[in-house]
C-alpha atoms as a PDB file:
ATOM      1  CA  MET A   1     -53.950 -13.550 105.783  1.00  0.00           C
ATOM      2  CA  PRO A   2     -53.767 -17.381 106.170  1.00  0.00           C
ATOM      3  CA  PRO A   3     -52.581 -19.410 103.177  1.00  0.00           C
ATOM      4  CA  GLU A   4     -55.289 -20.728 100.893  1.00  0.00           C
ATOM      5  CA  ALA A   5     -56.249 -24.346 101.573  1.00  0.00           C
ATOM      6  CA  PRO A   6     -55.393 -26.784  98.789  1.00  0.00           C
ATOM      7  CA  PRO A   7     -58.302 -28.112  96.736  1.00  0.00           C
ATOM      8  CA  PRO A   8     -59.894 -31.274  98.148  1.00  0.00           C
ATOM      9  CA  ILE A   9     -58.703 -34.692  97.028  1.00  0.00           C
ATOM     10  CA  GLU A  10     -61.394 -36.702  95.261  1.00  0.00           C
ATOM     11  CA  ILE A  11     -61.048 -40.475  95.031  1.00  0.00           C
ATOM     12  CA  SER A  12     -62.774 -42.399  92.240  1.00  0.00           C
ATOM     13  CA  ALA A  13     -62.528 -45.629  90.275  1.00  0.00           C
ATOM     14  CA  ALA A  14     -59.984 -45.479  87.477  1.00  0.00           C
ATOM     15  CA  THR A  15     -61.189 -45.553  83.886  1.00  0.00           C
ATOM     16  CA  VAL A  16     -59.441 -46.349  80.607  1.00  0.00           C
ATOM     17  CA  ALA A  17     -59.310 -42.590  79.959  1.00  0.00           C
ATOM     18  CA  ASP A  18     -57.142 -42.262  83.105  1.00  0.00           C
ATOM     19  CA  LEU A  19     -54.490 -44.706  81.876  1.00  0.00           C
ATOM     20  CA  PRO A  20     -52.161 -42.165  80.204  1.00  0.00           C
ATOM     21  CA  ARG A  21     -51.822 -40.243  83.484  1.00  0.00           C
ATOM     22  CA  ILE A  22     -51.692 -43.406  85.644  1.00  0.00           C
ATOM     23  CA  PHE A  23     -48.939 -44.814  83.456  1.00  0.00           C
ATOM     24  CA  ALA A  24     -47.051 -41.484  83.401  1.00  0.00           C
ATOM     25  CA  ILE A  25     -46.871 -41.567  87.212  1.00  0.00           C
ATOM     26  CA  TYR A  26     -45.908 -45.253  87.173  1.00  0.00           C
ATOM     27  CA  ASN A  27     -43.355 -44.916  84.372  1.00  0.00           C
ATOM     28  CA  ALA A  28     -41.563 -42.149  86.265  1.00  0.00           C
ATOM     29  CA  GLU A  29     -40.928 -44.728  89.015  1.00  0.00           C
ATOM     30  CA  VAL A  30     -39.944 -47.373  86.457  1.00  0.00           C
ATOM     31  CA  GLU A  31     -37.322 -44.986  85.040  1.00  0.00           C
ATOM     32  CA  ARG A  32     -36.083 -43.081  88.087  1.00  0.00           C
ATOM     33  CA  GLY A  33     -37.461 -44.619  91.275  1.00  0.00           C
ATOM     34  CA  ILE A  34     -37.427 -47.697  93.455  1.00  0.00           C
ATOM     35  CA  SER A  35     -41.136 -47.845  94.299  1.00  0.00           C
ATOM     36  CA  THR A  36     -41.519 -50.507  91.637  1.00  0.00           C
ATOM     37  CA  PHE A  37     -39.025 -53.155  90.662  1.00  0.00           C
ATOM     38  CA  ASP A  38     -40.577 -53.160  87.193  1.00  0.00           C
ATOM     39  CA  VAL A  39     -38.072 -52.106  84.544  1.00  0.00           C
ATOM     40  CA  ASP A  40     -40.498 -52.043  81.605  1.00  0.00           C
ATOM     41  CA  GLN A  41     -42.740 -49.050  81.041  1.00  0.00           C
ATOM     42  CA  LYS A  42     -46.481 -49.357  80.540  1.00  0.00           C
ATOM     43  CA  ASP A  43     -48.249 -47.880  77.521  1.00  0.00           C
ATOM     44  CA  ALA A  44     -51.926 -46.868  77.533  1.00  0.00           C
ATOM     45  CA  GLY A  45     -52.557 -48.242  74.046  1.00  0.00           C
ATOM     46  CA  ARG A  46     -50.765 -51.533  74.619  1.00  0.00           C
ATOM     47  CA  ASP A  47     -51.453 -52.223  78.306  1.00  0.00           C
ATOM     48  CA  GLU A  48     -55.152 -51.374  78.656  1.00  0.00           C
ATOM     49  CA  GLY A  49     -55.826 -54.927  79.888  1.00  0.00           C
ATOM     50  CA  TRP A  50     -53.923 -54.091  83.089  1.00  0.00           C
ATOM     51  CA  LEU A  51     -57.056 -52.138  84.059  1.00  0.00           C
ATOM     52  CA  THR A  52     -59.884 -53.763  82.110  1.00  0.00           C
ATOM     53  CA  GLU A  53     -59.121 -57.380  83.011  1.00  0.00           C
ATOM     54  CA  ARG A  54     -58.964 -56.923  86.778  1.00  0.00           C
ATOM     55  CA  GLU A  55     -61.324 -58.789  89.045  1.00  0.00           C
ATOM     56  CA  ARG A  56     -63.889 -56.863  91.092  1.00  0.00           C
ATOM     57  CA  ILE A  57     -61.876 -57.406  94.275  1.00  0.00           C
ATOM     58  CA  HIS A  58     -58.737 -55.877  92.741  1.00  0.00           C
ATOM     59  CA  PRO A  59     -59.734 -52.271  91.943  1.00  0.00           C
ATOM     60  CA  VAL A  60     -57.663 -49.346  90.716  1.00  0.00           C
ATOM     61  CA  ILE A  61     -58.515 -45.921  92.105  1.00  0.00           C
ATOM     62  CA  VAL A  62     -57.262 -42.414  91.341  1.00  0.00           C
ATOM     63  CA  ALA A  63     -56.812 -39.298  93.448  1.00  0.00           C
ATOM     64  CA  VAL A  64     -57.890 -36.144  91.638  1.00  0.00           C
ATOM     65  CA  ARG A  65     -57.187 -32.631  92.821  1.00  0.00           C
ATOM     66  CA  ALA A  66     -57.924 -29.538  90.723  1.00  0.00           C
ATOM     67  CA  LEU A  67     -58.932 -31.782  87.777  1.00  0.00           C
ATOM     68  CA  GLU A  68     -55.518 -33.502  87.723  1.00  0.00           C
ATOM     69  CA  ILE A  69     -54.737 -37.097  88.699  1.00  0.00           C
ATOM     70  CA  ASP A  70     -52.108 -36.747  91.432  1.00  0.00           C
ATOM     71  CA  GLY A  71     -51.841 -40.441  92.241  1.00  0.00           C
ATOM     72  CA  TRP A  72     -53.354 -43.866  91.965  1.00  0.00           C
ATOM     73  CA  ALA A  73     -53.608 -47.034  93.993  1.00  0.00           C
ATOM     74  CA  ALA A  74     -54.585 -50.623  93.353  1.00  0.00           C
ATOM     75  CA  LEU A  75     -55.154 -53.966  94.945  1.00  0.00           C
ATOM     76  CA  GLY A  76     -53.597 -56.882  93.125  1.00  0.00           C
ATOM     77  CA  ALA A  77     -53.625 -60.606  93.572  1.00  0.00           C
ATOM     78  CA  TRP A  78     -50.806 -61.651  95.900  1.00  0.00           C
ATOM     79  CA  SER A  79     -50.452 -64.972  94.128  1.00  0.00           C
ATOM     80  CA  PRO A  80     -52.311 -66.893  91.418  1.00  0.00           C
ATOM     81  CA  LYS A  81     -52.581 -69.865  93.809  1.00  0.00           C
ATOM     82  CA  GLY A  82     -56.143 -70.357  95.016  1.00  0.00           C
ATOM     83  CA  ALA A  83     -55.389 -70.519  98.726  1.00  0.00           C
ATOM     84  CA  TYR A  84     -54.134 -66.916  98.554  1.00  0.00           C
ATOM     85  CA  ARG A  85     -57.391 -65.485  97.159  1.00  0.00           C
ATOM     86  CA  ARG A  86     -58.126 -63.825 100.518  1.00  0.00           C
ATOM     87  CA  THR A  87     -54.859 -61.858 100.296  1.00  0.00           C
ATOM     88  CA  ALA A  88     -54.179 -58.800  98.128  1.00  0.00           C
ATOM     89  CA  GLU A  89     -51.137 -56.633  97.549  1.00  0.00           C
ATOM     90  CA  VAL A  90     -51.455 -52.867  97.933  1.00  0.00           C
ATOM     91  CA  SER A  91     -49.819 -50.480  95.455  1.00  0.00           C
ATOM     92  CA  VAL A  92     -49.828 -46.695  95.930  1.00  0.00           C
ATOM     93  CA  TYR A  93     -48.138 -44.249  93.549  1.00  0.00           C
ATOM     94  CA  VAL A  94     -48.120 -40.460  93.918  1.00  0.00           C
ATOM     95  CA  ASP A  95     -46.815 -37.980  91.369  1.00  0.00           C
ATOM     96  CA  VAL A  96     -43.541 -36.413  92.548  1.00  0.00           C
ATOM     97  CA  ALA A  97     -45.077 -32.901  92.516  1.00  0.00           C
ATOM     98  CA  ALA A  98     -47.975 -34.018  94.754  1.00  0.00           C
ATOM     99  CA  ARG A  99     -45.978 -35.869  97.436  1.00  0.00           C
ATOM    100  CA  GLY A 100     -46.402 -34.678 101.001  1.00  0.00           C
ATOM    101  CA  GLY A 101     -49.871 -33.292 100.318  1.00  0.00           C
ATOM    102  CA  GLY A 102     -52.007 -36.128 101.682  1.00  0.00           C
ATOM    103  CA  VAL A 103     -52.599 -37.919  98.374  1.00  0.00           C
ATOM    104  CA  GLY A 104     -50.923 -41.173  99.448  1.00  0.00           C
ATOM    105  CA  THR A 105     -52.838 -41.215 102.726  1.00  0.00           C
ATOM    106  CA  ALA A 106     -56.151 -40.555 100.957  1.00  0.00           C
ATOM    107  CA  LEU A 107     -55.507 -43.330  98.443  1.00  0.00           C
ATOM    108  CA  LEU A 108     -54.406 -45.918 101.013  1.00  0.00           C
ATOM    109  CA  THR A 109     -57.357 -45.058 103.260  1.00  0.00           C
ATOM    110  CA  ALA A 110     -59.838 -45.456 100.406  1.00  0.00           C
ATOM    111  CA  LEU A 111     -58.226 -48.678  99.222  1.00  0.00           C
ATOM    112  CA  THR A 112     -58.205 -50.177 102.727  1.00  0.00           C
ATOM    113  CA  GLU A 113     -61.808 -49.219 103.436  1.00  0.00           C
ATOM    114  CA  GLY A 114     -62.927 -50.505 100.042  1.00  0.00           C
ATOM    115  CA  ALA A 115     -61.234 -53.851 100.654  1.00  0.00           C
ATOM    116  CA  ARG A 116     -63.327 -54.329 103.799  1.00  0.00           C
ATOM    117  CA  GLY A 117     -66.381 -54.874 101.600  1.00  0.00           C
ATOM    118  CA  THR A 118     -64.793 -57.723  99.634  1.00  0.00           C
ATOM    119  CA  ASP A 119     -63.532 -61.252 100.237  1.00  0.00           C
ATOM    120  CA  VAL A 120     -60.041 -59.873 100.900  1.00  0.00           C
ATOM    121  CA  ALA A 121     -58.992 -60.401 104.512  1.00  0.00           C
ATOM    122  CA  VAL A 122     -55.275 -59.589 104.408  1.00  0.00           C
ATOM    123  CA  LEU A 123     -53.536 -56.684 102.712  1.00  0.00           C
ATOM    124  CA  LEU A 124     -49.812 -56.913 102.046  1.00  0.00           C
ATOM    125  CA  ALA A 125     -47.355 -54.184 101.099  1.00  0.00           C
ATOM    126  CA  ARG A 126     -43.825 -54.522  99.794  1.00  0.00           C
ATOM    127  CA  ILE A 127     -41.897 -51.288 100.271  1.00  0.00           C
ATOM    128  CA  ALA A 128     -38.416 -50.842  98.808  1.00  0.00           C
ATOM    129  CA  LEU A 129     -36.062 -49.281 101.326  1.00  0.00           C
ATOM    130  CA  PRO A 130     -35.378 -46.574 102.157  1.00  0.00           C
ATOM    131  CA  ASN A 131     -38.869 -45.104 101.964  1.00  0.00           C
ATOM    132  CA  PRO A 132     -39.805 -43.624 105.359  1.00  0.00           C
ATOM    133  CA  ALA A 133     -42.831 -41.757 103.981  1.00  0.00           C
ATOM    134  CA  SER A 134     -44.436 -44.933 102.640  1.00  0.00           C
ATOM    135  CA  ILE A 135     -43.654 -46.846 105.834  1.00  0.00           C
ATOM    136  CA  ALA A 136     -45.256 -44.053 107.902  1.00  0.00           C
ATOM    137  CA  ILE A 137     -48.402 -43.902 105.749  1.00  0.00           C
ATOM    138  CA  HIS A 138     -48.886 -47.662 105.995  1.00  0.00           C
ATOM    139  CA  GLU A 139     -48.255 -47.714 109.755  1.00  0.00           C
ATOM    140  CA  ALA A 140     -50.806 -44.923 110.223  1.00  0.00           C
ATOM    141  CA  ARG A 141     -53.418 -47.132 108.505  1.00  0.00           C
ATOM    142  CA  GLY A 142     -52.619 -50.059 110.825  1.00  0.00           C
ATOM    143  CA  PHE A 143     -50.116 -51.998 108.707  1.00  0.00           C
ATOM    144  CA  ARG A 144     -47.354 -53.701 110.673  1.00  0.00           C
ATOM    145  CA  SER A 145     -43.946 -54.899 109.567  1.00  0.00           C
ATOM    146  CA  PHE A 146     -43.410 -58.641 109.534  1.00  0.00           C
ATOM    147  CA  GLY A 147     -39.982 -58.835 107.986  1.00  0.00           C
ATOM    148  CA  THR A 148     -37.421 -57.562 105.557  1.00  0.00           C
ATOM    149  CA  GLN A 149     -36.331 -59.226 102.352  1.00  0.00           C
ATOM    150  CA  ARG A 150     -32.647 -58.379 102.407  1.00  0.00           C
ATOM    151  CA  ARG A 151     -30.776 -57.480  99.223  1.00  0.00           C
ATOM    152  CA  CYS A 152     -33.507 -58.961  97.024  1.00  0.00           C
ATOM    153  CA  GLY A 153     -33.651 -56.299  94.317  1.00  0.00           C
ATOM    154  CA  GLU A 154     -31.242 -54.355  92.173  1.00  0.00           C
ATOM    155  CA  LYS A 155     -32.263 -51.168  90.447  1.00  0.00           C
ATOM    156  CA  LEU A 156     -30.569 -47.925  89.440  1.00  0.00           C
ATOM    157  CA  GLY A 157     -27.214 -49.359  90.471  1.00  0.00           C
ATOM    158  CA  LYS A 158     -28.335 -50.113  94.031  1.00  0.00           C
ATOM    159  CA  ILE A 159     -28.927 -53.367  95.887  1.00  0.00           C
ATOM    160  CA  LEU A 160     -32.255 -52.949  97.688  1.00  0.00           C
ATOM    161  CA  ASP A 161     -34.052 -54.372 100.697  1.00  0.00           C
ATOM    162  CA  VAL A 162     -37.844 -54.648 100.808  1.00  0.00           C
ATOM    163  CA  GLU A 163     -39.938 -54.180 103.939  1.00  0.00           C
ATOM    164  CA  LEU A 164     -42.945 -56.493 104.192  1.00  0.00           C
ATOM    165  CA  MET A 165     -46.038 -55.111 105.920  1.00  0.00           C
ATOM    166  CA  ASP A 166     -49.526 -56.503 106.450  1.00  0.00           C
ATOM    167  CA  LEU A 167     -52.945 -55.447 107.638  1.00  0.00           C
ATOM    168  CA  HIS A 168     -55.494 -58.050 108.750  1.00  0.00           C
ATOM    169  CA  LEU A 169     -59.033 -56.947 107.943  1.00  0.00           C
ATOM    170  CA  ASP A 170     -60.611 -60.092 109.335  1.00  0.00           C
ATOM    171  CA  ASP A 171     -61.329 -60.869 112.967  1.00  0.00           C
ATOM    172  CA  GLU A 172     -58.215 -62.306 114.625  1.00  0.00           C
ATOM    173  CA  GLY A 173     -60.242 -64.683 116.814  1.00  0.00           C
ATOM    174  CA  SER A 174     -62.207 -66.250 113.992  1.00  0.00           C
ATOM    175  CA  ARG A 175     -59.054 -66.594 111.887  1.00  0.00           C
ATOM    176  CA  ASN A 176     -57.413 -68.633 114.631  1.00  0.00           C
ATOM    177  CA  ARG A 177     -60.527 -70.810 114.992  1.00  0.00           C
ATOM    178  CA  ASP A 178     -60.531 -71.516 111.246  1.00  0.00           C
ATOM    179  CA  ILE A 179     -56.898 -72.601 111.320  1.00  0.00           C
ATOM    180  CA  HIS A 180     -57.028 -74.621 114.535  1.00  0.00           C
ATOM    181  CA  GLY A 181     -60.530 -76.039 114.310  1.00  0.00           C
END
């Protein structure tokens, strides 16, 4: 008898009610991982504005399977400087128990497709190394490496490099015309 298929992954917009689970997944990386260089945990009661004060073009989404949030993803402003408003940073976090089950791919796919309907034209990812699974998921969605920030972070007693990746959602030809007249 073939193994039973896992329940489907449902992607939806995050709500304030999702924050305890979102922050639990994030805080695990703050404490024990390198996927974020943040060293301060988030708290649902204190940090609700992280979700509620986001602009329309910087959504947070969750992946739900069997009524449990297995991961979340977000677009964030790359920089507060106005000329960067067409660029957003991608963040994808998957609960340790759900890794390898397609959650990260589902989240990044939904986030990328959702960005196509906004003013965002360039998606950027910063991936602490080593993280071959995250690199592979981003490459599968069309992201390409454009450099490595060497020895730029220190966490958990390790000096870390960060791979920079981007995905251009806009038309390459029109982008060059805008820059060069």
